[in-house]
Amino acid sequence: MTATAAKRPPILYSCYFQVSRAGEQFVSEHILSYQVAGTLLTNDGTREQAFGPGTLRLMRRNHLLKFAKLPGTEHSYKNLSIVLDQDTLRRLSLETGYEPGSAPPPPAEAVVSLPADPLYLSYVASLQPYEQLAAPGNEDLLQLKVREAALLLIRANPELRAVLFDFAEPGKLDLAAFMERNFHFNVQLPRFAYLTGRSLATFKRDFEKIFHVSPSRWLLRRRLQEAHYRIKEQGQTASEVYLDLGFEDLSHFSYAFKKQYGVAPSRLTA
């Protein structure tokens, strides 16, 4: 799943009942989110976080995330999200005269937990009549609320200016470290290439220089290696690990596992 401002309204209200939805997301735009009910669990490959009712978070663009949406005691999951599109942020950067290096160092995490500042809580309260705000003809009002959210972020958390006003594409990263941290995400090679600051051709060339095997073959082997460890050493089942390790269906995982190790995952004993 990809979060984009182009295909969806900039203010999104999610509501689920008696269901836990899990999945993956490439965050292509910064997203300010407020948890109304239930709990959101996130994992960016290095850190797991849990966000309960009343919590705020900024999901940073150009990051991969795994998530689970868990209903609360009232059997509901509710979340309010504001997509901070690049066009709005660019205009705001020019208007505020932001200069790179003028703000405190930004946080490093992909999902930034925000304090329950009164400014944020007042803003969230102003979005209560969301059904009316989302009606056709209110596009200009929605954009004003997006702008307001960005202004609140840089007022309450000045260090986030360096995050919101960073319009550069991903720089060239340590490929080996990045892949070890993100091999379990089920994304296409062009996405991996983009996030490591490379063209697809350069990504493939650099990858084979480092790993001496194609990206697709390495990803399959590395995911199966991790699955073998979790099943044999941690006692997990195939149905518990296959989605978490980037396989799209259980049958494909079981076939690949048996081909690699000579035994079905269900027959692997600890």
Protein backbone atom coordinates (compact mmCIF):
# COMPACT_ATOMS: atom_id res chain seq x y z
CA MET A 1 0.00 0.00 0.00
CA THR A 2 1.28 3.42 -0.91
CA ALA A 3 0.33 6.67 0.79
CA THR A 4 -0.03 9.42 -1.83
CA ALA A 5 -1.79 12.74 -1.85
CA ALA A 6 -2.57 12.49 -5.58
CA LYS A 7 -5.09 9.61 -5.36
CA ARG A 8 -6.66 10.24 -1.97
CA PRO A 9 -8.01 13.24 -0.09
CA PRO A 10 -5.37 14.92 2.08
CA ILE A 11 -7.30 14.22 5.31
CA LEU A 12 -8.18 10.57 5.86
CA TYR A 13 -10.36 9.03 8.55
CA SER A 14 -9.93 5.28 9.06
CA CYS A 15 -12.45 3.24 11.02
CA TYR A 16 -12.57 -0.55 11.45
CA PHE A 17 -14.68 -2.75 13.72
CA GLN A 18 -13.82 -6.16 15.16
CA VAL A 19 -10.92 -6.66 12.76
CA SER A 20 -7.14 -6.40 12.81
CA ARG A 21 -5.64 -5.23 9.54
CA ALA A 22 -1.94 -5.83 8.93
CA GLY A 23 0.18 -4.92 5.96
CA GLU A 24 3.03 -2.90 4.52
CA GLN A 25 3.27 0.66 3.37
CA PHE A 26 5.70 2.79 1.43
CA VAL A 27 5.24 6.27 2.87
CA SER A 28 5.68 8.61 -0.08
CA GLU A 29 4.54 11.78 1.76
CA HIS A 30 4.85 12.90 5.38
CA ILE A 31 1.72 11.97 7.34
CA LEU A 32 0.54 13.46 10.63
CA SER A 33 -1.69 10.94 12.43
CA TYR A 34 -3.83 11.01 15.55
CA GLN A 35 -4.98 7.76 17.14
CA VAL A 36 -8.64 8.06 18.13
CA ALA A 37 -9.28 4.46 19.21
CA GLY A 38 -7.48 1.13 19.08
CA THR A 39 -3.74 0.69 18.64
CA LEU A 40 -1.39 1.00 15.68
CA LEU A 41 1.78 -1.13 15.73
CA THR A 42 4.61 -0.07 13.38
CA ASN A 43 7.92 -1.65 12.42
CA ASP A 44 10.40 0.20 10.18
CA GLY A 45 12.93 -2.65 10.08
CA THR A 46 14.88 -1.46 13.12
CA ARG A 47 12.27 -0.33 15.64
CA GLU A 48 8.81 -1.42 16.74
CA GLN A 49 6.41 1.15 18.18
CA ALA A 50 2.88 1.06 19.56
CA PHE A 51 0.50 4.02 19.41
CA GLY A 52 -2.61 3.92 21.58
CA PRO A 53 -5.62 6.26 21.86
CA GLY A 54 -4.73 9.94 22.17
CA THR A 55 -1.24 9.60 20.67
CA LEU A 56 0.19 11.60 17.78
CA ARG A 57 2.88 10.63 15.31
CA LEU A 58 4.61 11.88 12.17
CA MET A 59 5.28 9.19 9.58
CA ARG A 60 8.21 10.39 7.48
CA ARG A 61 8.21 10.13 3.72
CA ASN A 62 10.47 7.73 1.81
CA HIS A 63 10.33 5.01 4.43
CA LEU A 64 9.08 1.43 4.47
CA LEU A 65 6.78 0.34 7.29
CA LYS A 66 4.99 -2.77 8.43
CA PHE A 67 1.88 -2.11 10.48
CA ALA A 68 -0.97 -3.77 12.34
CA LYS A 69 -4.23 -2.04 13.26
CA LEU A 70 -5.73 -3.46 16.44
CA PRO A 71 -9.27 -2.61 17.63
CA GLY A 72 -9.55 -1.35 21.20
CA THR A 73 -11.84 -2.24 24.09
CA GLU A 74 -14.87 -0.92 22.19
CA HIS A 75 -14.01 -3.20 19.26
CA SER A 76 -13.09 -0.31 17.01
CA TYR A 77 -9.99 1.14 15.39
CA LYS A 78 -10.14 4.83 14.47
CA ASN A 79 -7.37 7.01 13.13
CA LEU A 80 -7.15 10.48 11.60
CA SER A 81 -4.36 11.18 9.09
CA ILE A 82 -3.28 14.40 7.38
CA VAL A 83 -1.10 13.97 4.29
CA LEU A 84 1.49 16.77 4.07
CA ASP A 85 2.12 17.00 0.34
CA GLN A 86 5.38 18.30 -1.09
CA ASP A 87 3.79 21.22 -2.94
CA THR A 88 2.28 22.63 0.26
CA LEU A 89 5.54 22.18 2.15
CA ARG A 90 7.61 23.82 -0.60
CA ARG A 91 5.41 26.91 -0.57
CA LEU A 92 5.56 27.05 3.21
CA SER A 93 9.33 26.71 3.17
CA LEU A 94 9.64 29.74 0.89
CA GLU A 95 7.16 31.79 2.92
CA THR A 96 8.93 31.12 6.23
CA GLY A 97 12.40 31.75 4.79
CA TYR A 98 13.73 28.40 5.93
CA GLU A 99 17.44 27.81 5.33
CA PRO A 100 19.01 24.35 5.59
CA GLY A 101 21.01 24.05 8.77
CA SER A 102 19.01 26.71 10.60
CA ALA A 103 16.88 24.18 12.50
CA PRO A 104 17.91 21.71 15.23
CA PRO A 105 19.07 18.28 14.00
CA PRO A 106 16.05 16.19 12.90
CA PRO A 107 15.06 12.90 14.55
CA ALA A 108 16.33 9.79 12.81
CA GLU A 109 13.36 7.45 13.25
CA ALA A 110 10.86 6.74 10.47
CA VAL A 111 7.89 7.29 12.80
CA VAL A 112 8.29 10.23 15.18
CA SER A 113 6.20 10.17 18.35
CA LEU A 114 4.82 13.64 19.12
CA PRO A 115 3.88 15.12 22.51
CA ALA A 116 0.24 15.87 23.28
CA ASP A 117 0.77 19.60 22.82
CA PRO A 118 -2.42 21.69 23.32
CA LEU A 119 -1.93 23.11 19.82
CA TYR A 120 -2.18 19.62 18.32
CA LEU A 121 -5.20 18.68 20.40
CA SER A 122 -7.04 21.86 19.41
CA TYR A 123 -6.27 21.15 15.77
CA VAL A 124 -7.57 17.58 16.01
CA ALA A 125 -10.76 18.87 17.66
CA SER A 126 -11.27 21.25 14.73
CA LEU A 127 -11.45 18.22 12.41
CA GLN A 128 -14.34 16.59 14.24
CA PRO A 129 -16.90 17.62 11.58
CA TYR A 130 -14.83 15.64 9.06
CA GLU A 131 -17.85 14.35 7.11
CA GLN A 132 -18.84 17.92 6.21
CA LEU A 133 -15.26 19.00 5.52
CA ALA A 134 -14.70 16.12 3.11
CA ALA A 135 -17.76 16.95 1.01
CA PRO A 136 -17.19 18.03 -2.62
CA GLY A 137 -16.49 21.74 -2.96
CA ASN A 138 -14.42 21.96 0.20
CA GLU A 139 -11.05 21.21 -1.41
CA ASP A 140 -9.69 24.68 -0.57
CA LEU A 141 -10.68 24.24 3.07
CA LEU A 142 -8.96 20.88 3.19
CA GLN A 143 -5.75 22.41 1.85
CA LEU A 144 -5.91 25.13 4.49
CA LYS A 145 -6.15 22.45 7.18
CA VAL A 146 -3.11 20.67 5.70
CA ARG A 147 -1.17 23.94 5.78
CA GLU A 148 -2.30 24.52 9.35
CA ALA A 149 -1.04 21.06 10.35
CA ALA A 150 2.40 21.80 8.90
CA LEU A 151 2.60 25.16 10.68
CA LEU A 152 1.66 23.53 13.98
CA LEU A 153 4.37 20.91 13.55
CA ILE A 154 7.16 23.42 13.05
CA ARG A 155 5.82 25.62 15.86
CA ALA A 156 5.49 22.83 18.44
CA ASN A 157 8.52 20.82 17.25
CA PRO A 158 11.07 23.15 15.59
CA GLU A 159 13.43 20.24 14.92
CA LEU A 160 10.92 18.90 12.40
CA ARG A 161 11.57 21.79 10.01
CA ALA A 162 14.65 19.92 8.78
CA VAL A 163 12.41 16.92 8.09
CA LEU A 164 9.43 18.65 6.48
CA PHE A 165 11.55 21.00 4.38
CA ASP A 166 13.95 18.35 3.10
CA PHE A 167 12.95 17.94 -0.55
CA ALA A 168 15.96 15.92 -1.68
CA GLU A 169 15.57 12.44 -3.09
CA PRO A 170 17.17 9.61 -1.09
CA GLY A 171 20.97 9.75 -1.18
CA LYS A 172 23.24 6.84 -1.96
CA LEU A 173 23.18 4.53 1.05
CA ASP A 174 25.24 1.60 2.31
CA LEU A 175 23.56 -1.06 0.18
CA ALA A 176 24.50 -4.09 2.29
CA ALA A 177 23.28 -2.54 5.54
CA PHE A 178 20.06 -1.30 3.92
CA MET A 179 19.18 -4.70 2.46
CA GLU A 180 19.89 -6.53 5.71
CA ARG A 181 17.54 -4.13 7.46
CA ASN A 182 14.77 -4.23 4.84
CA PHE A 183 14.88 -7.61 3.06
CA HIS A 184 11.57 -8.64 4.66
CA PHE A 185 9.59 -5.87 2.96
CA ASN A 186 7.61 -7.09 -0.04
CA VAL A 187 8.49 -4.31 -2.50
CA GLN A 188 9.71 -4.35 -6.08
CA LEU A 189 13.37 -3.86 -7.00
CA PRO A 190 12.79 -0.34 -8.43
CA ARG A 191 11.58 0.74 -4.97
CA PHE A 192 14.66 -0.70 -3.28
CA ALA A 193 16.81 1.05 -5.88
CA TYR A 194 15.09 4.41 -5.28
CA LEU A 195 15.42 4.19 -1.51
CA THR A 196 19.14 3.45 -1.76
CA GLY A 197 19.71 6.45 -4.05
CA ARG A 198 20.36 4.47 -7.23
CA SER A 199 18.90 3.85 -10.65
CA LEU A 200 17.65 0.30 -11.12
CA ALA A 201 20.62 -0.56 -13.33
CA THR A 202 23.14 0.83 -10.82
CA PHE A 203 21.35 -0.93 -7.97
CA LYS A 204 21.62 -4.29 -9.71
CA ARG A 205 25.28 -3.69 -10.61
CA ASP A 206 26.26 -2.60 -7.11
CA PHE A 207 24.25 -5.42 -5.58
CA GLU A 208 26.03 -8.14 -7.54
CA LYS A 209 29.42 -6.62 -6.71
CA ILE A 210 28.61 -6.88 -3.01
CA PHE A 211 26.60 -10.10 -2.76
CA HIS A 212 27.84 -11.95 -5.89
CA VAL A 213 24.28 -12.94 -6.75
CA SER A 214 21.25 -11.22 -8.28
CA PRO A 215 18.96 -9.19 -5.98
CA SER A 216 15.98 -11.50 -6.57
CA ARG A 217 17.93 -14.64 -5.73
CA TRP A 218 19.50 -13.05 -2.65
CA LEU A 219 16.15 -11.81 -1.36
CA LEU A 220 14.61 -15.28 -1.70
CA ARG A 221 17.54 -16.97 0.07
CA ARG A 222 17.73 -14.39 2.84
CA ARG A 223 13.99 -14.55 3.53
CA LEU A 224 14.07 -18.35 3.62
CA GLN A 225 17.08 -18.27 5.93
CA GLU A 226 15.21 -16.04 8.35
CA ALA A 227 12.10 -18.22 8.08
CA HIS A 228 14.16 -21.34 8.89
CA TYR A 229 15.57 -19.65 11.98
CA ARG A 230 12.18 -18.46 13.23
CA ILE A 231 10.50 -21.83 12.71
CA LYS A 232 13.30 -24.02 14.06
CA GLU A 233 14.73 -21.83 16.82
CA GLN A 234 11.71 -19.74 17.85
CA GLY A 235 8.94 -22.27 17.28
CA GLN A 236 6.90 -20.12 14.91
CA THR A 237 4.70 -21.63 12.22
CA ALA A 238 4.81 -21.09 8.48
CA SER A 239 1.53 -19.16 8.60
CA GLU A 240 3.02 -16.84 11.21
CA VAL A 241 6.15 -15.94 9.25
CA TYR A 242 5.47 -15.98 5.53
CA LEU A 243 3.75 -12.58 5.24
CA ASP A 244 6.16 -10.95 7.68
CA LEU A 245 9.07 -12.05 5.48
CA GLY A 246 7.79 -10.72 2.18
CA PHE A 247 6.05 -13.76 0.68
CA GLU A 248 2.70 -13.08 -0.95
CA ASP A 249 1.06 -16.45 -0.25
CA LEU A 250 1.64 -19.51 1.94
CA SER A 251 1.81 -22.03 -0.90
CA HIS A 252 4.64 -20.17 -2.64
CA PHE A 253 6.53 -19.88 0.62
CA SER A 254 6.11 -23.59 1.43
CA TYR A 255 7.24 -24.62 -2.07
CA ALA A 256 10.34 -22.38 -1.96
CA PHE A 257 11.18 -23.50 1.59
CA LYS A 258 11.01 -27.20 0.72
CA LYS A 259 13.06 -26.65 -2.43
CA GLN A 260 15.74 -24.84 -0.40
CA TYR A 261 15.88 -27.11 2.67
CA GLY A 262 14.46 -30.42 1.45
CA VAL A 263 11.66 -30.44 4.01
CA ALA A 264 8.31 -28.69 4.30
CA PRO A 265 8.22 -25.91 6.92
CA SER A 266 5.44 -27.75 8.75
CA ARG A 267 7.77 -30.73 9.26
CA LEU A 268 10.76 -28.74 10.49
CA THR A 269 11.27 -29.57 14.16
CA ALA A 270 12.94 -27.46 16.80
